[in-house]
Amino acid sequence: MFDIALLGTGGGMPMPNRYLSASLINYRGRKILIDCGEGTQVSMRILGWGFKSIDIICITHGHGDHIVGLPGLLATIGNSGRTEPLTIVGPEGIEEIVNGLRVIAKYLPYEVNIIENPKKVNLKVNKDNMVVVEDNNISDIIINTMEVDHSANCLAYKFSVQRQAKFNIEKAKENNVPKNLWNLLQKGETLEVDGKVYTTNMVLGDNRKGIKLSYVTDTRPIEDIKEFIKDSDLFICEGTYGDDGDIDKAIKNKHMTFREAATLAREGKVKELLLTHFSPAMIEPESFANNATSEFNNSTIGYDRLVKELNFIDD
């Protein structure tokens, strides 16, 4: 139902078996891309999830290893037959960066809408099964962002998948809701029949727990991140340096070590940590796995095209 694939787990420069930063969310057949470094298109082609159904692209920041694959991808999406608008979300300055990159991708058969430095974006799957930005509060996915501590304007992202409350037949009967309205009300519509207004709360029970995915790269481990990622089902975090001895490099370049990322995971009470964004100098990130698992046991070293499936869990 809600899958995420690491398309590229590298930072700085691409390696023979490791493309640059990018991840892809698959939700009900529609896609949200996070970052678009070198090699993103190749990794997507290998993964086989398609290009045309990418509705939203979330960019963490404007450094080349996170965005230089964008103009080529936009062209490929156009060549796939897409004509519906596409939305790009990013930090302050992202519009100038995207427009600059589009010098080589000027003519697209669809409109590109840019949202700069939002705190919250509501997404809804519409009647045409497209993920679109909604102004109301009835959302399938809520994207929250926070500014983090890097050498460029940079956003962390949190994707909260809303779970529809369970239909309550007793409540519907108590409220004298006609049976022919039950299905529409369950889908979130408000209806007026013979002068009486029927709302979703007349047929739905208590809210149920959804899914929360947090995505943090590139940054130092600032205090605010702990609250931002709190209780995430999956926390994807940069681990540029695996060796604890590289802490001075991490501080200088405003990145994290495996241990720092794992400490955030533990203190943020997340369920699982998935590490990504590895320095090109770190050939085998797995050899430093203990530096993460000793702080937070449920830590995983990412690799290109690793797929995680997140599902609703009943209380």
C-alpha atoms as a PDB file:
ATOM      1  CA  MET A   1       0.000   0.000   0.000  1.00  0.00           C
ATOM      2  CA  PHE A   2       2.777   2.421   0.978  1.00  0.00           C
ATOM      3  CA  ASP A   3       6.197   1.402  -0.303  1.00  0.00           C
ATOM      4  CA  ILE A   4       9.451   3.336  -0.414  1.00  0.00           C
ATOM      5  CA  ALA A   5      12.543   2.437  -2.432  1.00  0.00           C
ATOM      6  CA  LEU A   6      16.028   3.852  -2.017  1.00  0.00           C
ATOM      7  CA  LEU A   7      17.006   4.677  -5.612  1.00  0.00           C
ATOM      8  CA  GLY A   8      20.427   6.082  -4.759  1.00  0.00           C
ATOM      9  CA  THR A   9      22.309   5.831  -1.469  1.00  0.00           C
ATOM     10  CA  GLY A  10      25.432   7.793  -2.330  1.00  0.00           C
ATOM     11  CA  GLY A  11      26.578  11.273  -1.443  1.00  0.00           C
ATOM     12  CA  GLY A  12      29.086  13.517  -3.181  1.00  0.00           C
ATOM     13  CA  MET A  13      29.746  11.486  -6.325  1.00  0.00           C
ATOM     14  CA  PRO A  14      28.205   8.384  -7.900  1.00  0.00           C
ATOM     15  CA  MET A  15      29.975   5.051  -7.510  1.00  0.00           C
ATOM     16  CA  PRO A  16      29.819   2.016  -9.836  1.00  0.00           C
ATOM     17  CA  ASN A  17      27.214   0.303  -7.636  1.00  0.00           C
ATOM     18  CA  ARG A  18      25.791   3.328  -5.812  1.00  0.00           C
ATOM     19  CA  TYR A  19      23.876   6.161  -7.431  1.00  0.00           C
ATOM     20  CA  LEU A  20      23.339   9.549  -5.819  1.00  0.00           C
ATOM     21  CA  SER A  21      20.612  10.570  -3.411  1.00  0.00           C
ATOM     22  CA  ALA A  22      17.033   9.711  -4.412  1.00  0.00           C
ATOM     23  CA  SER A  23      14.111   7.755  -2.979  1.00  0.00           C
ATOM     24  CA  LEU A  24      10.715   6.897  -4.405  1.00  0.00           C
ATOM     25  CA  ILE A  25       7.399   6.493  -2.572  1.00  0.00           C
ATOM     26  CA  ASN A  26       4.704   4.350  -4.183  1.00  0.00           C
ATOM     27  CA  TYR A  27       1.233   5.065  -2.809  1.00  0.00           C
ATOM     28  CA  ARG A  28      -1.786   3.423  -4.421  1.00  0.00           C
ATOM     29  CA  GLY A  29       0.060   3.335  -7.739  1.00  0.00           C
ATOM     30  CA  ARG A  30       1.085   7.024  -7.617  1.00  0.00           C
ATOM     31  CA  LYS A  31       4.596   8.251  -6.881  1.00  0.00           C
ATOM     32  CA  ILE A  32       6.388  10.852  -4.767  1.00  0.00           C
ATOM     33  CA  LEU A  33      10.097  11.288  -5.508  1.00  0.00           C
ATOM     34  CA  ILE A  34      12.487  12.572  -2.842  1.00  0.00           C
ATOM     35  CA  ASP A  35      15.624  14.137  -4.364  1.00  0.00           C
ATOM     36  CA  CYS A  36      16.973  13.407  -7.806  1.00  0.00           C
ATOM     37  CA  GLY A  37      20.714  12.881  -7.918  1.00  0.00           C
ATOM     38  CA  GLU A  38      22.802  11.429 -10.724  1.00  0.00           C
ATOM     39  CA  GLY A  39      21.641   7.954 -11.702  1.00  0.00           C
ATOM     40  CA  THR A  40      18.043   8.376 -10.542  1.00  0.00           C
ATOM     41  CA  GLN A  41      16.557   7.524 -13.943  1.00  0.00           C
ATOM     42  CA  VAL A  42      18.737   4.433 -14.357  1.00  0.00           C
ATOM     43  CA  SER A  43      17.807   3.170 -10.899  1.00  0.00           C
ATOM     44  CA  MET A  44      14.123   3.835 -11.577  1.00  0.00           C
ATOM     45  CA  ARG A  45      14.343   1.909 -14.820  1.00  0.00           C
ATOM     46  CA  ILE A  46      15.891  -1.062 -13.025  1.00  0.00           C
ATOM     47  CA  LEU A  47      13.268  -0.866 -10.266  1.00  0.00           C
ATOM     48  CA  GLY A  48      10.466  -0.827 -12.834  1.00  0.00           C
ATOM     49  CA  TRP A  49       7.940   1.381 -11.057  1.00  0.00           C
ATOM     50  CA  GLY A  50       7.488   3.714 -14.024  1.00  0.00           C
ATOM     51  CA  PHE A  51       7.921   7.449 -14.639  1.00  0.00           C
ATOM     52  CA  LYS A  52       4.533   8.812 -15.734  1.00  0.00           C
ATOM     53  CA  SER A  53       2.876   8.490 -12.312  1.00  0.00           C
ATOM     54  CA  ILE A  54       5.316  10.757 -10.426  1.00  0.00           C
ATOM     55  CA  ASP A  55       3.045  13.535  -9.132  1.00  0.00           C
ATOM     56  CA  ILE A  56       5.222  15.216  -6.482  1.00  0.00           C
ATOM     57  CA  ILE A  57       9.006  15.752  -6.302  1.00  0.00           C
ATOM     58  CA  CYS A  58      10.389  16.774  -2.902  1.00  0.00           C
ATOM     59  CA  ILE A  59      13.899  18.242  -2.985  1.00  0.00           C
ATOM     60  CA  THR A  60      15.843  18.466   0.285  1.00  0.00           C
ATOM     61  CA  HIS A  61      18.335  21.076  -0.972  1.00  0.00           C
ATOM     62  CA  GLY A  62      20.102  22.399  -4.023  1.00  0.00           C
ATOM     63  CA  HIS A  63      23.444  20.596  -3.882  1.00  0.00           C
ATOM     64  CA  GLY A  64      24.265  18.741  -7.095  1.00  0.00           C
ATOM     65  CA  ASP A  65      24.253  15.243  -5.605  1.00  0.00           C
ATOM     66  CA  HIS A  66      20.570  15.746  -4.763  1.00  0.00           C
ATOM     67  CA  ILE A  67      19.205  17.504  -7.847  1.00  0.00           C
ATOM     68  CA  VAL A  68      21.324  17.326 -11.015  1.00  0.00           C
ATOM     69  CA  GLY A  69      19.284  14.397 -12.326  1.00  0.00           C
ATOM     70  CA  LEU A  70      16.132  16.528 -12.395  1.00  0.00           C
ATOM     71  CA  PRO A  71      16.112  18.032 -15.932  1.00  0.00           C
ATOM     72  CA  GLY A  72      16.615  14.656 -17.579  1.00  0.00           C
ATOM     73  CA  LEU A  73      13.935  13.071 -15.420  1.00  0.00           C
ATOM     74  CA  LEU A  74      11.437  15.841 -16.226  1.00  0.00           C
ATOM     75  CA  ALA A  75      12.048  15.237 -19.930  1.00  0.00           C
ATOM     76  CA  THR A  76      11.579  11.475 -19.510  1.00  0.00           C
ATOM     77  CA  ILE A  77       8.316  12.017 -17.628  1.00  0.00           C
ATOM     78  CA  GLY A  78       7.164  14.157 -20.561  1.00  0.00           C
ATOM     79  CA  ASN A  79       8.192  11.471 -23.043  1.00  0.00           C
ATOM     80  CA  SER A  80       6.182   8.926 -21.046  1.00  0.00           C
ATOM     81  CA  GLY A  81       2.990  10.732 -22.078  1.00  0.00           C
ATOM     82  CA  ARG A  82       2.241  12.774 -18.999  1.00  0.00           C
ATOM     83  CA  THR A  83       0.168  15.914 -19.534  1.00  0.00           C
ATOM     84  CA  GLU A  84      -1.126  16.529 -15.991  1.00  0.00           C
ATOM     85  CA  PRO A  85       0.632  19.121 -13.771  1.00  0.00           C
ATOM     86  CA  LEU A  86       3.562  18.047 -11.584  1.00  0.00           C
ATOM     87  CA  THR A  87       4.502  19.698  -8.283  1.00  0.00           C
ATOM     88  CA  ILE A  88       8.036  20.293  -6.991  1.00  0.00           C
ATOM     89  CA  VAL A  89       8.524  21.097  -3.288  1.00  0.00           C
ATOM     90  CA  GLY A  90      11.777  22.418  -1.876  1.00  0.00           C
ATOM     91  CA  PRO A  91      13.570  24.876   0.419  1.00  0.00           C
ATOM     92  CA  GLU A  92      13.917  28.611  -0.054  1.00  0.00           C
ATOM     93  CA  GLY A  93      15.616  29.250  -3.414  1.00  0.00           C
ATOM     94  CA  ILE A  94      14.400  26.030  -5.056  1.00  0.00           C
ATOM     95  CA  GLU A  95      12.438  27.882  -7.752  1.00  0.00           C
ATOM     96  CA  GLU A  96      15.574  29.640  -9.015  1.00  0.00           C
ATOM     97  CA  ILE A  97      17.516  26.366  -8.985  1.00  0.00           C
ATOM     98  CA  VAL A  98      14.827  24.405 -10.845  1.00  0.00           C
ATOM     99  CA  ASN A  99      14.379  27.153 -13.433  1.00  0.00           C
ATOM    100  CA  GLY A 100      18.138  27.217 -13.980  1.00  0.00           C
ATOM    101  CA  LEU A 101      18.295  23.470 -14.515  1.00  0.00           C
ATOM    102  CA  ARG A 102      15.358  23.666 -16.904  1.00  0.00           C
ATOM    103  CA  VAL A 103      17.442  25.593 -19.431  1.00  0.00           C
ATOM    104  CA  ILE A 104      17.995  22.137 -20.935  1.00  0.00           C
ATOM    105  CA  ALA A 105      14.401  21.008 -20.307  1.00  0.00           C
ATOM    106  CA  LYS A 106      12.344  24.032 -21.358  1.00  0.00           C
ATOM    107  CA  TYR A 107       9.577  22.405 -23.336  1.00  0.00           C
ATOM    108  CA  LEU A 108       7.476  19.945 -21.375  1.00  0.00           C
ATOM    109  CA  PRO A 109       3.952  18.729 -22.200  1.00  0.00           C
ATOM    110  CA  TYR A 110       2.848  19.354 -18.606  1.00  0.00           C
ATOM    111  CA  GLU A 111       2.917  22.261 -16.160  1.00  0.00           C
ATOM    112  CA  VAL A 112       5.495  22.344 -13.345  1.00  0.00           C
ATOM    113  CA  ASN A 113       4.283  23.981 -10.123  1.00  0.00           C
ATOM    114  CA  ILE A 114       6.869  24.898  -7.475  1.00  0.00           C
ATOM    115  CA  ILE A 115       6.137  25.231  -3.752  1.00  0.00           C
ATOM    116  CA  GLU A 116       8.985  26.929  -1.906  1.00  0.00           C
ATOM    117  CA  ASN A 117       9.740  26.324   1.779  1.00  0.00           C
ATOM    118  CA  PRO A 118       6.305  25.116   2.967  1.00  0.00           C
ATOM    119  CA  LYS A 119       5.663  23.988   6.527  1.00  0.00           C
ATOM    120  CA  LYS A 120       2.847  21.683   5.456  1.00  0.00           C
ATOM    121  CA  VAL A 121       1.456  20.311   2.198  1.00  0.00           C
ATOM    122  CA  ASN A 122      -1.836  18.387   2.031  1.00  0.00           C
ATOM    123  CA  LEU A 123      -2.050  15.703  -0.642  1.00  0.00           C
ATOM    124  CA  LYS A 124      -5.185  13.954  -1.881  1.00  0.00           C
ATOM    125  CA  VAL A 125      -5.753  11.183  -4.402  1.00  0.00           C
ATOM    126  CA  ASN A 126      -8.461  12.644  -6.668  1.00  0.00           C
ATOM    127  CA  LYS A 127     -11.130  10.925  -8.767  1.00  0.00           C
ATOM    128  CA  ASP A 128      -8.622  10.422 -11.598  1.00  0.00           C
ATOM    129  CA  ASN A 129      -6.270   8.607  -9.178  1.00  0.00           C
ATOM    130  CA  MET A 130      -3.787  11.486  -9.251  1.00  0.00           C
ATOM    131  CA  VAL A 131      -1.969  12.736  -6.153  1.00  0.00           C
ATOM    132  CA  VAL A 132      -2.737  16.465  -6.038  1.00  0.00           C
ATOM    133  CA  VAL A 133      -2.128  19.318  -3.615  1.00  0.00           C
ATOM    134  CA  GLU A 134      -5.267  20.150  -1.635  1.00  0.00           C
ATOM    135  CA  ASP A 135      -6.089  23.358   0.235  1.00  0.00           C
ATOM    136  CA  ASN A 136      -8.478  21.665   2.645  1.00  0.00           C
ATOM    137  CA  ASN A 137      -7.655  19.460   5.606  1.00  0.00           C
ATOM    138  CA  ILE A 138      -9.083  16.225   4.172  1.00  0.00           C
ATOM    139  CA  SER A 139      -5.815  14.615   3.119  1.00  0.00           C
ATOM    140  CA  ASP A 140      -4.518  11.189   2.214  1.00  0.00           C
ATOM    141  CA  ILE A 141      -0.933  12.265   2.931  1.00  0.00           C
ATOM    142  CA  ILE A 142       0.331  15.237   4.909  1.00  0.00           C
ATOM    143  CA  ILE A 143       3.876  16.399   4.173  1.00  0.00           C
ATOM    144  CA  ASN A 144       5.521  18.350   6.985  1.00  0.00           C
ATOM    145  CA  THR A 145       8.926  19.986   6.649  1.00  0.00           C
ATOM    146  CA  MET A 146      11.506  21.516   8.940  1.00  0.00           C
ATOM    147  CA  GLU A 147      14.699  23.427   8.227  1.00  0.00           C
ATOM    148  CA  VAL A 148      17.858  21.568   9.202  1.00  0.00           C
ATOM    149  CA  ASP A 149      21.519  22.487   9.680  1.00  0.00           C
ATOM    150  CA  HIS A 150      23.472  22.136   6.446  1.00  0.00           C
ATOM    151  CA  SER A 151      25.702  24.358   4.315  1.00  0.00           C
ATOM    152  CA  ALA A 152      22.734  25.175   2.041  1.00  0.00           C
ATOM    153  CA  ASN A 153      19.038  25.762   2.718  1.00  0.00           C
ATOM    154  CA  CYS A 154      17.831  22.246   3.462  1.00  0.00           C
ATOM    155  CA  LEU A 155      14.542  20.620   4.463  1.00  0.00           C
ATOM    156  CA  ALA A 156      13.740  17.429   6.326  1.00  0.00           C
ATOM    157  CA  TYR A 157      10.460  15.786   5.289  1.00  0.00           C
ATOM    158  CA  LYS A 158       7.813  13.839   7.168  1.00  0.00           C
ATOM    159  CA  PHE A 159       5.100  11.933   5.284  1.00  0.00           C
ATOM    160  CA  SER A 160       2.032  11.084   7.371  1.00  0.00           C
ATOM    161  CA  VAL A 161      -0.403   8.717   5.671  1.00  0.00           C
ATOM    162  CA  GLN A 162      -3.886   9.252   7.036  1.00  0.00           C
ATOM    163  CA  ARG A 163      -6.008   6.214   7.812  1.00  0.00           C
ATOM    164  CA  GLN A 164      -9.720   6.456   7.323  1.00  0.00           C
ATOM    165  CA  ALA A 165     -11.800   5.796  10.395  1.00  0.00           C
ATOM    166  CA  LYS A 166     -13.687   2.508  10.361  1.00  0.00           C
ATOM    167  CA  PHE A 167     -17.313   2.549   9.190  1.00  0.00           C
ATOM    168  CA  ASN A 168     -19.679   2.250  12.145  1.00  0.00           C
ATOM    169  CA  ILE A 169     -23.003   0.736  11.057  1.00  0.00           C
ATOM    170  CA  GLU A 170     -24.627   1.268  14.464  1.00  0.00           C
ATOM    171  CA  LYS A 171     -23.722   4.963  14.383  1.00  0.00           C
ATOM    172  CA  ALA A 172     -25.106   5.333  10.852  1.00  0.00           C
ATOM    173  CA  LYS A 173     -28.408   3.780  11.930  1.00  0.00           C
ATOM    174  CA  GLU A 174     -28.608   5.889  15.095  1.00  0.00           C
ATOM    175  CA  ASN A 175     -28.201   9.017  12.960  1.00  0.00           C
ATOM    176  CA  ASN A 176     -30.865   7.813  10.508  1.00  0.00           C
ATOM    177  CA  VAL A 177     -28.469   8.006   7.570  1.00  0.00           C
ATOM    178  CA  PRO A 178     -30.013   6.498   4.393  1.00  0.00           C
ATOM    179  CA  LYS A 179     -28.116   3.405   3.240  1.00  0.00           C
ATOM    180  CA  ASN A 180     -27.602   4.833  -0.241  1.00  0.00           C
ATOM    181  CA  LEU A 181     -25.415   7.586   1.297  1.00  0.00           C
ATOM    182  CA  TRP A 182     -23.174   5.354   3.395  1.00  0.00           C
ATOM    183  CA  ASN A 183     -20.516   4.739   0.757  1.00  0.00           C
ATOM    184  CA  LEU A 184     -20.169   8.414  -0.248  1.00  0.00           C
ATOM    185  CA  LEU A 185     -19.986   9.585   3.353  1.00  0.00           C
ATOM    186  CA  GLN A 186     -17.358   6.955   4.122  1.00  0.00           C
ATOM    187  CA  LYS A 187     -15.238   8.450   1.318  1.00  0.00           C
ATOM    188  CA  GLY A 188     -15.279  11.842   3.020  1.00  0.00           C
ATOM    189  CA  GLU A 189     -18.085  13.631   1.192  1.00  0.00           C
ATOM    190  CA  THR A 190     -20.642  15.916   2.852  1.00  0.00           C
ATOM    191  CA  LEU A 191     -24.149  15.566   1.404  1.00  0.00           C
ATOM    192  CA  GLU A 192     -27.434  17.440   1.664  1.00  0.00           C
ATOM    193  CA  VAL A 193     -30.662  15.530   1.005  1.00  0.00           C
ATOM    194  CA  ASP A 194     -34.152  16.971   1.478  1.00  0.00           C
ATOM    195  CA  GLY A 195     -32.740  19.869   3.471  1.00  0.00           C
ATOM    196  CA  LYS A 196     -30.732  17.685   5.873  1.00  0.00           C
ATOM    197  CA  VAL A 197     -26.912  17.721   5.896  1.00  0.00           C
ATOM    198  CA  TYR A 198     -25.098  14.400   6.322  1.00  0.00           C
ATOM    199  CA  THR A 199     -21.399  14.395   7.333  1.00  0.00           C
ATOM    200  CA  THR A 200     -18.727  11.720   7.682  1.00  0.00           C
ATOM    201  CA  ASN A 201     -18.800  11.829  11.488  1.00  0.00           C
ATOM    202  CA  MET A 202     -22.358  10.481  11.318  1.00  0.00           C
ATOM    203  CA  VAL A 203     -21.129   7.127   9.958  1.00  0.00           C
ATOM    204  CA  LEU A 204     -17.490   6.792  11.007  1.00  0.00           C
ATOM    205  CA  GLY A 205     -16.029   5.561  14.291  1.00  0.00           C
ATOM    206  CA  ASP A 206     -12.826   6.585  16.068  1.00  0.00           C
ATOM    207  CA  ASN A 207      -9.711   7.625  14.153  1.00  0.00           C
ATOM    208  CA  ARG A 208      -7.136   4.923  13.536  1.00  0.00           C
ATOM    209  CA  LYS A 209      -3.354   5.095  13.554  1.00  0.00           C
ATOM    210  CA  GLY A 210      -1.801   5.901  10.188  1.00  0.00           C
ATOM    211  CA  ILE A 211       1.753   5.561   8.858  1.00  0.00           C
ATOM    212  CA  LYS A 212       4.610   7.983   9.453  1.00  0.00           C
ATOM    213  CA  LEU A 213       7.802   8.150   7.379  1.00  0.00           C
ATOM    214  CA  SER A 214      10.547  10.663   8.223  1.00  0.00           C
ATOM    215  CA  TYR A 215      13.368  11.570   5.823  1.00  0.00           C
ATOM    216  CA  VAL A 216      16.369  13.572   7.055  1.00  0.00           C
ATOM    217  CA  THR A 217      19.423  14.475   4.957  1.00  0.00           C
ATOM    218  CA  ASP A 218      21.842  16.453   4.882  1.00  0.00           C
ATOM    219  CA  THR A 219      22.347  17.923   8.356  1.00  0.00           C
ATOM    220  CA  ARG A 220      23.966  17.873  11.729  1.00  0.00           C
ATOM    221  CA  PRO A 221      21.860  16.091  14.406  1.00  0.00           C
ATOM    222  CA  ILE A 222      20.073  19.142  15.809  1.00  0.00           C
ATOM    223  CA  GLU A 223      17.722  18.837  18.786  1.00  0.00           C
ATOM    224  CA  ASP A 224      14.527  19.697  16.854  1.00  0.00           C
ATOM    225  CA  ILE A 225      14.875  16.574  14.712  1.00  0.00           C
ATOM    226  CA  LYS A 226      13.994  14.323  17.662  1.00  0.00           C
ATOM    227  CA  GLU A 227      10.511  15.773  17.986  1.00  0.00           C
ATOM    228  CA  PHE A 228      10.068  15.966  14.209  1.00  0.00           C
ATOM    229  CA  ILE A 229      10.707  12.230  13.733  1.00  0.00           C
ATOM    230  CA  LYS A 230       9.020  11.087  16.954  1.00  0.00           C
ATOM    231  CA  ASP A 231       7.217   7.725  16.698  1.00  0.00           C
ATOM    232  CA  SER A 232       7.987   7.336  12.982  1.00  0.00           C
ATOM    233  CA  ASP A 233       7.388   3.864  11.564  1.00  0.00           C
ATOM    234  CA  LEU A 234      10.475   4.368   9.408  1.00  0.00           C
ATOM    235  CA  PHE A 235      13.221   6.978   9.819  1.00  0.00           C
ATOM    236  CA  ILE A 236      15.446   7.354   6.754  1.00  0.00           C
ATOM    237  CA  CYS A 237      18.535   9.309   7.731  1.00  0.00           C
ATOM    238  CA  GLU A 238      21.845  10.259   6.268  1.00  0.00           C
ATOM    239  CA  GLY A 239      24.890   8.365   7.478  1.00  0.00           C
ATOM    240  CA  THR A 240      27.643  10.049   5.495  1.00  0.00           C
ATOM    241  CA  TYR A 241      30.351   8.720   7.809  1.00  0.00           C
ATOM    242  CA  GLY A 242      30.306   5.240   9.317  1.00  0.00           C
ATOM    243  CA  ASP A 243      33.507   5.525  11.338  1.00  0.00           C
ATOM    244  CA  ASP A 244      33.238   7.289  14.708  1.00  0.00           C
ATOM    245  CA  GLY A 245      36.709   8.653  13.999  1.00  0.00           C
ATOM    246  CA  ASP A 246      35.259  10.816  11.208  1.00  0.00           C
ATOM    247  CA  ILE A 247      33.286  13.002  13.626  1.00  0.00           C
ATOM    248  CA  ASP A 248      35.463  16.063  12.851  1.00  0.00           C
ATOM    249  CA  LYS A 249      34.685  15.678   9.141  1.00  0.00           C
ATOM    250  CA  ALA A 250      30.997  15.326   9.943  1.00  0.00           C
ATOM    251  CA  ILE A 251      31.015  18.539  11.966  1.00  0.00           C
ATOM    252  CA  LYS A 252      33.023  20.445   9.354  1.00  0.00           C
ATOM    253  CA  ASN A 253      30.842  19.330   6.431  1.00  0.00           C
ATOM    254  CA  LYS A 254      27.559  19.429   8.383  1.00  0.00           C
ATOM    255  CA  HIS A 255      26.727  15.755   8.051  1.00  0.00           C
ATOM    256  CA  MET A 256      26.254  12.834  10.464  1.00  0.00           C
ATOM    257  CA  THR A 257      27.984   9.659  11.522  1.00  0.00           C
ATOM    258  CA  PHE A 258      26.115   6.357  11.822  1.00  0.00           C
ATOM    259  CA  ARG A 259      26.195   6.675  15.601  1.00  0.00           C
ATOM    260  CA  GLU A 260      24.692  10.169  15.549  1.00  0.00           C
ATOM    261  CA  ALA A 261      21.867   9.064  13.271  1.00  0.00           C
ATOM    262  CA  ALA A 262      21.176   6.030  15.470  1.00  0.00           C
ATOM    263  CA  THR A 263      21.117   8.197  18.590  1.00  0.00           C
ATOM    264  CA  LEU A 264      18.448  10.376  16.949  1.00  0.00           C
ATOM    265  CA  ALA A 265      16.467   7.230  16.111  1.00  0.00           C
ATOM    266  CA  ARG A 266      16.615   5.996  19.709  1.00  0.00           C
ATOM    267  CA  GLU A 267      15.757   9.353  21.271  1.00  0.00           C
ATOM    268  CA  GLY A 268      13.024   9.981  18.678  1.00  0.00           C
ATOM    269  CA  LYS A 269      11.477   6.587  19.554  1.00  0.00           C
ATOM    270  CA  VAL A 270      11.171   5.491  15.937  1.00  0.00           C
ATOM    271  CA  LYS A 271      10.480   1.881  14.985  1.00  0.00           C
ATOM    272  CA  GLU A 272      13.211   1.470  12.381  1.00  0.00           C
ATOM    273  CA  LEU A 273      16.238   3.406  11.122  1.00  0.00           C
ATOM    274  CA  LEU A 274      17.352   3.121   7.501  1.00  0.00           C
ATOM    275  CA  LEU A 275      20.748   4.683   6.762  1.00  0.00           C
ATOM    276  CA  THR A 276      21.648   6.251   3.412  1.00  0.00           C
ATOM    277  CA  HIS A 277      23.795   8.986   1.774  1.00  0.00           C
ATOM    278  CA  PHE A 278      27.179   7.303   2.174  1.00  0.00           C
ATOM    279  CA  SER A 279      30.485   9.058   1.511  1.00  0.00           C
ATOM    280  CA  PRO A 280      32.260   7.812  -1.658  1.00  0.00           C
ATOM    281  CA  ALA A 281      35.241   7.086   0.589  1.00  0.00           C
ATOM    282  CA  MET A 282      33.150   4.497   2.459  1.00  0.00           C
ATOM    283  CA  ILE A 283      33.249   1.515   0.106  1.00  0.00           C
ATOM    284  CA  GLU A 284      31.540  -0.951   2.471  1.00  0.00           C
ATOM    285  CA  PRO A 285      29.094   0.827   4.787  1.00  0.00           C
ATOM    286  CA  GLU A 286      28.055  -2.545   6.239  1.00  0.00           C
ATOM    287  CA  SER A 287      31.432  -2.829   8.004  1.00  0.00           C
ATOM    288  CA  PHE A 288      30.427   0.059  10.278  1.00  0.00           C
ATOM    289  CA  ALA A 289      26.928  -1.255  11.044  1.00  0.00           C
ATOM    290  CA  ASN A 290      27.771  -1.915  14.699  1.00  0.00           C
ATOM    291  CA  ASN A 291      28.273   1.806  15.268  1.00  0.00           C
ATOM    292  CA  ALA A 292      24.573   2.223  14.533  1.00  0.00           C
ATOM    293  CA  THR A 293      23.112  -0.965  16.045  1.00  0.00           C
ATOM    294  CA  SER A 294      24.965  -0.444  19.338  1.00  0.00           C
ATOM    295  CA  GLU A 295      22.919   2.760  19.768  1.00  0.00           C
ATOM    296  CA  PHE A 296      19.675   1.614  18.122  1.00  0.00           C
ATOM    297  CA  ASN A 297      19.254  -2.080  17.468  1.00  0.00           C
ATOM    298  CA  ASN A 298      16.728  -1.839  14.630  1.00  0.00           C
ATOM    299  CA  SER A 299      19.122  -0.063  12.252  1.00  0.00           C
ATOM    300  CA  THR A 300      19.550  -1.098   8.613  1.00  0.00           C
ATOM    301  CA  ILE A 301      22.282  -0.136   6.151  1.00  0.00           C
ATOM    302  CA  GLY A 302      20.606   0.966   2.945  1.00  0.00           C
ATOM    303  CA  TYR A 303      21.543   0.044  -0.599  1.00  0.00           C
ATOM    304  CA  ASP A 304      20.266   1.046  -4.021  1.00  0.00           C
ATOM    305  CA  ARG A 305      16.749  -0.270  -4.738  1.00  0.00           C
ATOM    306  CA  LEU A 306      16.129  -1.566  -1.239  1.00  0.00           C
ATOM    307  CA  VAL A 307      12.322  -1.508  -0.840  1.00  0.00           C
ATOM    308  CA  LYS A 308      10.474  -1.128   2.447  1.00  0.00           C
ATOM    309  CA  GLU A 309       6.732  -1.798   2.723  1.00  0.00           C
ATOM    310  CA  LEU A 310       4.826   0.083   5.413  1.00  0.00           C
ATOM    311  CA  ASN A 311       1.375  -1.152   6.411  1.00  0.00           C
ATOM    312  CA  PHE A 312      -1.377   0.000   8.732  1.00  0.00           C
ATOM    313  CA  ILE A 313      -1.376  -1.762  12.080  1.00  0.00           C
ATOM    314  CA  ASP A 314      -4.598  -2.280  13.987  1.00  0.00           C
ATOM    315  CA  ASP A 315      -4.600  -1.066  17.577  1.00  0.00           C
END
